[in-house]
PDB file of all heavy atoms in Angstrom:
ATOM      1  N   ILE A   1       7.611 -59.997  30.839  1.00  0.00           N
ATOM      2  CA  ILE A   1       8.379 -60.707  29.765  1.00  0.00           C
ATOM      3  C   ILE A   1       9.581 -61.426  30.372  1.00  0.00           C
ATOM      4  O   ILE A   1       9.844 -62.585  30.108  1.00  0.00           O
ATOM      5  CB  ILE A   1       8.839 -59.695  28.705  1.00  0.00           C
ATOM      6  CG1 ILE A   1       7.607 -59.111  27.949  1.00  0.00           C
ATOM      7  CG2 ILE A   1       9.790 -60.328  27.724  1.00  0.00           C
ATOM      8  CD1 ILE A   1       7.986 -57.976  26.994  1.00  0.00           C
ATOM      9  N   LEU A   2      10.330 -60.673  31.175  1.00  0.00           N
ATOM     10  CA  LEU A   2      11.565 -61.206  31.717  1.00  0.00           C
ATOM     11  C   LEU A   2      11.315 -62.357  32.709  1.00  0.00           C
ATOM     12  O   LEU A   2      11.985 -63.337  32.699  1.00  0.00           O
ATOM     13  CB  LEU A   2      12.424 -60.140  32.392  1.00  0.00           C
ATOM     14  CG  LEU A   2      13.025 -59.164  31.395  1.00  0.00           C
ATOM     15  CD1 LEU A   2      13.469 -57.904  32.141  1.00  0.00           C
ATOM     16  CD2 LEU A   2      14.229 -59.783  30.781  1.00  0.00           C
ATOM     17  N   LYS A   3      10.255 -62.225  33.539  1.00  0.00           N
ATOM     18  CA  LYS A   3       9.953 -63.284  34.511  1.00  0.00           C
ATOM     19  C   LYS A   3       9.421 -64.511  33.799  1.00  0.00           C
ATOM     20  O   LYS A   3       9.377 -65.571  34.406  1.00  0.00           O
ATOM     21  CB  LYS A   3       8.994 -62.760  35.511  1.00  0.00           C
ATOM     22  CG  LYS A   3       9.444 -61.640  36.336  1.00  0.00           C
ATOM     23  CD  LYS A   3      10.647 -61.904  37.204  1.00  0.00           C
ATOM     24  CE  LYS A   3      10.972 -60.748  38.210  1.00  0.00           C
ATOM     25  NZ  LYS A   3      12.399 -60.388  38.158  1.00  0.00           N
ATOM     26  N   SER A   4       8.970 -64.425  32.585  1.00  0.00           N
ATOM     27  CA  SER A   4       8.560 -65.604  31.825  1.00  0.00           C
ATOM     28  C   SER A   4       9.759 -66.288  31.250  1.00  0.00           C
ATOM     29  O   SER A   4       9.659 -67.242  30.495  1.00  0.00           O
ATOM     30  CB  SER A   4       7.613 -65.306  30.721  1.00  0.00           C
ATOM     31  OG  SER A   4       6.835 -64.154  30.940  1.00  0.00           O
ATOM     32  N   ARG A   5      10.953 -65.825  31.590  1.00  0.00           N
ATOM     33  CA  ARG A   5      12.231 -66.427  31.142  1.00  0.00           C
ATOM     34  C   ARG A   5      12.375 -66.520  29.651  1.00  0.00           C
ATOM     35  O   ARG A   5      12.773 -67.537  29.105  1.00  0.00           O
ATOM     36  CB  ARG A   5      12.390 -67.813  31.804  1.00  0.00           C
ATOM     37  CG  ARG A   5      12.247 -67.763  33.310  1.00  0.00           C
ATOM     38  CD  ARG A   5      12.515 -69.132  33.969  1.00  0.00           C
ATOM     39  NE  ARG A   5      13.904 -69.534  33.945  1.00  0.00           N
ATOM     40  CZ  ARG A   5      14.868 -69.031  34.756  1.00  0.00           C
ATOM     41  NH1 ARG A   5      14.559 -68.160  35.664  1.00  0.00           N
ATOM     42  NH2 ARG A   5      16.086 -69.475  34.675  1.00  0.00           N
ATOM     43  N   LEU A   6      12.018 -65.467  28.979  1.00  0.00           N
ATOM     44  CA  LEU A   6      12.049 -65.472  27.480  1.00  0.00           C
ATOM     45  C   LEU A   6      13.334 -64.865  26.980  1.00  0.00           C
ATOM     46  O   LEU A   6      13.660 -65.049  25.813  1.00  0.00           O
ATOM     47  CB  LEU A   6      10.859 -64.667  26.964  1.00  0.00           C
ATOM     48  CG  LEU A   6       9.469 -65.238  27.264  1.00  0.00           C
ATOM     49  CD1 LEU A   6       8.403 -64.349  26.754  1.00  0.00           C
ATOM     50  CD2 LEU A   6       9.285 -66.617  26.713  1.00  0.00           C
ATOM     51  N   ILE A   7      14.025 -64.061  27.783  1.00  0.00           N
ATOM     52  CA  ILE A   7      15.190 -63.286  27.290  1.00  0.00           C
ATOM     53  C   ILE A   7      16.479 -63.907  27.756  1.00  0.00           C
ATOM     54  O   ILE A   7      16.647 -64.147  28.928  1.00  0.00           O
ATOM     55  CB  ILE A   7      15.050 -61.799  27.791  1.00  0.00           C
ATOM     56  CG1 ILE A   7      13.666 -61.226  27.501  1.00  0.00           C
ATOM     57  CG2 ILE A   7      16.159 -60.988  27.174  1.00  0.00           C
ATOM     58  CD1 ILE A   7      13.401 -60.950  26.042  1.00  0.00           C
ATOM     59  N   LYS A   8      17.384 -64.135  26.847  1.00  0.00           N
ATOM     60  CA  LYS A   8      18.680 -64.640  27.222  1.00  0.00           C
ATOM     61  C   LYS A   8      19.762 -63.584  26.888  1.00  0.00           C
ATOM     62  O   LYS A   8      19.671 -62.972  25.766  1.00  0.00           O
ATOM     63  CB  LYS A   8      19.033 -65.888  26.445  1.00  0.00           C
ATOM     64  CG  LYS A   8      18.233 -67.117  26.927  1.00  0.00           C
ATOM     65  CD  LYS A   8      18.731 -68.352  26.171  1.00  0.00           C
ATOM     66  CE  LYS A   8      18.094 -69.611  26.773  1.00  0.00           C
ATOM     67  NZ  LYS A   8      18.553 -70.786  26.127  1.00  0.00           N
ATOM     68  N   VAL A   9      20.669 -63.396  27.766  1.00  0.00           N
ATOM     69  CA  VAL A   9      21.755 -62.512  27.499  1.00  0.00           C
ATOM     70  C   VAL A   9      23.038 -63.380  27.495  1.00  0.00           C
ATOM     71  O   VAL A   9      23.312 -64.116  28.462  1.00  0.00           O
ATOM     72  CB  VAL A   9      21.956 -61.387  28.489  1.00  0.00           C
ATOM     73  CG1 VAL A   9      23.112 -60.520  28.144  1.00  0.00           C
ATOM     74  CG2 VAL A   9      20.687 -60.506  28.516  1.00  0.00           C
ATOM     75  N   ASP A  10      23.722 -63.429  26.398  1.00  0.00           N
ATOM     76  CA  ASP A  10      24.926 -64.328  26.247  1.00  0.00           C
ATOM     77  C   ASP A  10      24.576 -65.785  26.601  1.00  0.00           C
ATOM     78  O   ASP A  10      25.346 -66.465  27.232  1.00  0.00           O
ATOM     79  CB  ASP A  10      26.094 -63.840  27.145  1.00  0.00           C
ATOM     80  CG  ASP A  10      26.670 -62.568  26.612  1.00  0.00           C
ATOM     81  OD1 ASP A  10      26.327 -62.208  25.511  1.00  0.00           O
ATOM     82  OD2 ASP A  10      27.450 -61.929  27.379  1.00  0.00           O
ATOM     83  N   GLY A  11      23.414 -66.174  26.135  1.00  0.00           N
ATOM     84  CA  GLY A  11      23.036 -67.569  26.275  1.00  0.00           C
ATOM     85  C   GLY A  11      22.515 -67.975  27.728  1.00  0.00           C
ATOM     86  O   GLY A  11      22.294 -69.146  27.927  1.00  0.00           O
ATOM     87  N   LYS A  12      22.391 -67.021  28.579  1.00  0.00           N
ATOM     88  CA  LYS A  12      21.849 -67.296  29.939  1.00  0.00           C
ATOM     89  C   LYS A  12      20.627 -66.492  30.111  1.00  0.00           C
ATOM     90  O   LYS A  12      20.495 -65.318  29.774  1.00  0.00           O
ATOM     91  CB  LYS A  12      22.893 -66.844  30.984  1.00  0.00           C
ATOM     92  CG  LYS A  12      24.018 -67.831  31.217  1.00  0.00           C
ATOM     93  CD  LYS A  12      24.452 -67.682  32.671  1.00  0.00           C
ATOM     94  CE  LYS A  12      25.470 -68.782  33.064  1.00  0.00           C
ATOM     95  NZ  LYS A  12      26.805 -68.498  32.503  1.00  0.00           N
ATOM     96  N   VAL A  13      19.571 -67.180  30.695  1.00  0.00           N
ATOM     97  CA  VAL A  13      18.316 -66.467  30.956  1.00  0.00           C
ATOM     98  C   VAL A  13      18.554 -65.409  32.057  1.00  0.00           C
ATOM     99  O   VAL A  13      19.146 -65.654  33.085  1.00  0.00           O
ATOM    100  CB  VAL A  13      17.267 -67.458  31.445  1.00  0.00           C
ATOM    101  CG1 VAL A  13      15.982 -66.716  31.841  1.00  0.00           C
ATOM    102  CG2 VAL A  13      16.961 -68.461  30.349  1.00  0.00           C
ATOM    103  N   ARG A  14      18.093 -64.173  31.806  1.00  0.00           N
ATOM    104  CA  ARG A  14      18.215 -63.100  32.737  1.00  0.00           C
ATOM    105  C   ARG A  14      16.807 -62.623  33.100  1.00  0.00           C
ATOM    106  O   ARG A  14      16.042 -62.302  32.177  1.00  0.00           O
ATOM    107  CB  ARG A  14      19.014 -61.956  32.204  1.00  0.00           C
ATOM    108  CG  ARG A  14      20.399 -62.299  31.857  1.00  0.00           C
ATOM    109  CD  ARG A  14      21.277 -62.510  33.098  1.00  0.00           C
ATOM    110  NE  ARG A  14      22.661 -62.911  32.720  1.00  0.00           N
ATOM    111  CZ  ARG A  14      23.488 -63.490  33.557  1.00  0.00           C
ATOM    112  NH1 ARG A  14      23.184 -63.701  34.814  1.00  0.00           N
ATOM    113  NH2 ARG A  14      24.707 -63.838  33.159  1.00  0.00           N
ATOM    114  N   THR A  15      16.479 -62.513  34.384  1.00  0.00           N
ATOM    115  CA  THR A  15      15.166 -62.077  34.770  1.00  0.00           C
ATOM    116  C   THR A  15      15.182 -60.715  35.441  1.00  0.00           C
ATOM    117  O   THR A  15      14.130 -60.201  35.832  1.00  0.00           O
ATOM    118  CB  THR A  15      14.535 -63.114  35.759  1.00  0.00           C
ATOM    119  OG1 THR A  15      15.386 -63.194  36.860  1.00  0.00           O
ATOM    120  CG2 THR A  15      14.313 -64.410  35.074  1.00  0.00           C
ATOM    121  N   ASP A  16      16.359 -60.140  35.569  1.00  0.00           N
ATOM    122  CA  ASP A  16      16.422 -58.805  36.201  1.00  0.00           C
ATOM    123  C   ASP A  16      16.202 -57.711  35.218  1.00  0.00           C
ATOM    124  O   ASP A  16      16.894 -57.617  34.183  1.00  0.00           O
ATOM    125  CB  ASP A  16      17.825 -58.666  36.797  1.00  0.00           C
ATOM    126  CG  ASP A  16      18.100 -57.306  37.396  1.00  0.00           C
ATOM    127  OD1 ASP A  16      17.125 -56.526  37.508  1.00  0.00           O
ATOM    128  OD2 ASP A  16      19.275 -56.974  37.722  1.00  0.00           O
ATOM    129  N   GLU A  17      15.154 -56.898  35.369  1.00  0.00           N
ATOM    130  CA  GLU A  17      14.819 -55.923  34.338  1.00  0.00           C
ATOM    131  C   GLU A  17      15.897 -54.804  34.185  1.00  0.00           C
ATOM    132  O   GLU A  17      15.926 -54.128  33.161  1.00  0.00           O
ATOM    133  CB  GLU A  17      13.436 -55.291  34.540  1.00  0.00           C
ATOM    134  CG  GLU A  17      13.176 -54.718  35.863  1.00  0.00           C
ATOM    135  CD  GLU A  17      12.524 -55.768  36.824  1.00  0.00           C
ATOM    136  OE1 GLU A  17      12.865 -56.938  36.717  1.00  0.00           O
ATOM    137  OE2 GLU A  17      11.729 -55.358  37.637  1.00  0.00           O
ATOM    138  N   THR A  18      16.712 -54.626  35.227  1.00  0.00           N
ATOM    139  CA  THR A  18      17.730 -53.608  35.066  1.00  0.00           C
ATOM    140  C   THR A  18      19.139 -54.275  34.929  1.00  0.00           C
ATOM    141  O   THR A  18      20.132 -53.621  35.192  1.00  0.00           O
ATOM    142  CB  THR A  18      17.748 -52.656  36.268  1.00  0.00           C
ATOM    143  OG1 THR A  18      17.801 -53.445  37.490  1.00  0.00           O
ATOM    144  CG2 THR A  18      16.495 -51.791  36.347  1.00  0.00           C
ATOM    145  N   TYR A  19      19.141 -55.460  34.405  1.00  0.00           N
ATOM    146  CA  TYR A  19      20.439 -56.174  34.184  1.00  0.00           C
ATOM    147  C   TYR A  19      21.245 -55.357  33.148  1.00  0.00           C
ATOM    148  O   TYR A  19      20.704 -54.915  32.062  1.00  0.00           O
ATOM    149  CB  TYR A  19      20.176 -57.543  33.551  1.00  0.00           C
ATOM    150  CG  TYR A  19      21.442 -58.293  33.248  1.00  0.00           C
ATOM    151  CD1 TYR A  19      22.170 -58.985  34.254  1.00  0.00           C
ATOM    152  CD2 TYR A  19      21.971 -58.325  31.936  1.00  0.00           C
ATOM    153  CE1 TYR A  19      23.338 -59.663  33.908  1.00  0.00           C
ATOM    154  CE2 TYR A  19      23.166 -58.974  31.647  1.00  0.00           C
ATOM    155  CZ  TYR A  19      23.781 -59.616  32.650  1.00  0.00           C
ATOM    156  OH  TYR A  19      24.951 -60.289  32.347  1.00  0.00           O
ATOM    157  N   PRO A  20      22.494 -55.029  33.445  1.00  0.00           N
ATOM    158  CA  PRO A  20      23.289 -54.141  32.548  1.00  0.00           C
ATOM    159  C   PRO A  20      23.846 -54.928  31.373  1.00  0.00           C
ATOM    160  O   PRO A  20      24.860 -55.588  31.501  1.00  0.00           O
ATOM    161  CB  PRO A  20      24.401 -53.614  33.405  1.00  0.00           C
ATOM    162  CG  PRO A  20      24.587 -54.652  34.479  1.00  0.00           C
ATOM    163  CD  PRO A  20      23.269 -55.342  34.670  1.00  0.00           C
ATOM    164  N   ALA A  21      23.191 -54.891  30.260  1.00  0.00           N
ATOM    165  CA  ALA A  21      23.684 -55.489  28.998  1.00  0.00           C
ATOM    166  C   ALA A  21      24.651 -54.429  28.449  1.00  0.00           C
ATOM    167  O   ALA A  21      24.365 -53.199  28.549  1.00  0.00           O
ATOM    168  CB  ALA A  21      22.646 -55.792  28.032  1.00  0.00           C
ATOM    169  N   GLY A  22      25.776 -54.832  27.875  1.00  0.00           N
ATOM    170  CA  GLY A  22      26.750 -53.849  27.379  1.00  0.00           C
ATOM    171  C   GLY A  22      27.315 -54.226  26.019  1.00  0.00           C
ATOM    172  O   GLY A  22      26.823 -55.127  25.321  1.00  0.00           O
ATOM    173  N   PHE A  23      28.366 -53.511  25.653  1.00  0.00           N
ATOM    174  CA  PHE A  23      28.986 -53.663  24.324  1.00  0.00           C
ATOM    175  C   PHE A  23      29.323 -55.136  24.048  1.00  0.00           C
ATOM    176  O   PHE A  23      29.868 -55.834  24.910  1.00  0.00           O
ATOM    177  CB  PHE A  23      30.247 -52.825  24.284  1.00  0.00           C
ATOM    178  CG  PHE A  23      30.884 -52.776  22.941  1.00  0.00           C
ATOM    179  CD1 PHE A  23      30.355 -52.164  21.876  1.00  0.00           C
ATOM    180  CD2 PHE A  23      32.137 -53.429  22.746  1.00  0.00           C
ATOM    181  CE1 PHE A  23      30.966 -52.130  20.640  1.00  0.00           C
ATOM    182  CE2 PHE A  23      32.806 -53.413  21.515  1.00  0.00           C
ATOM    183  CZ  PHE A  23      32.198 -52.700  20.471  1.00  0.00           C
ATOM    184  N   MET A  24      28.887 -55.632  22.849  1.00  0.00           N
ATOM    185  CA  MET A  24      29.152 -56.990  22.337  1.00  0.00           C
ATOM    186  C   MET A  24      28.210 -58.017  22.985  1.00  0.00           C
ATOM    187  O   MET A  24      28.298 -59.208  22.652  1.00  0.00           O
ATOM    188  CB  MET A  24      30.598 -57.435  22.638  1.00  0.00           C
ATOM    189  CG  MET A  24      31.582 -56.908  21.667  1.00  0.00           C
ATOM    190  SD  MET A  24      31.381 -57.699  20.061  1.00  0.00           S
ATOM    191  CE  MET A  24      32.360 -56.518  19.072  1.00  0.00           C
TER     192      MET A  24
END
């Protein structure tokens, strides 16, 4: 899913599956 560039965190595409998303 992530390598298909479908997920954005704070408006930036993230492809690292262990990217640390946090509060807010």
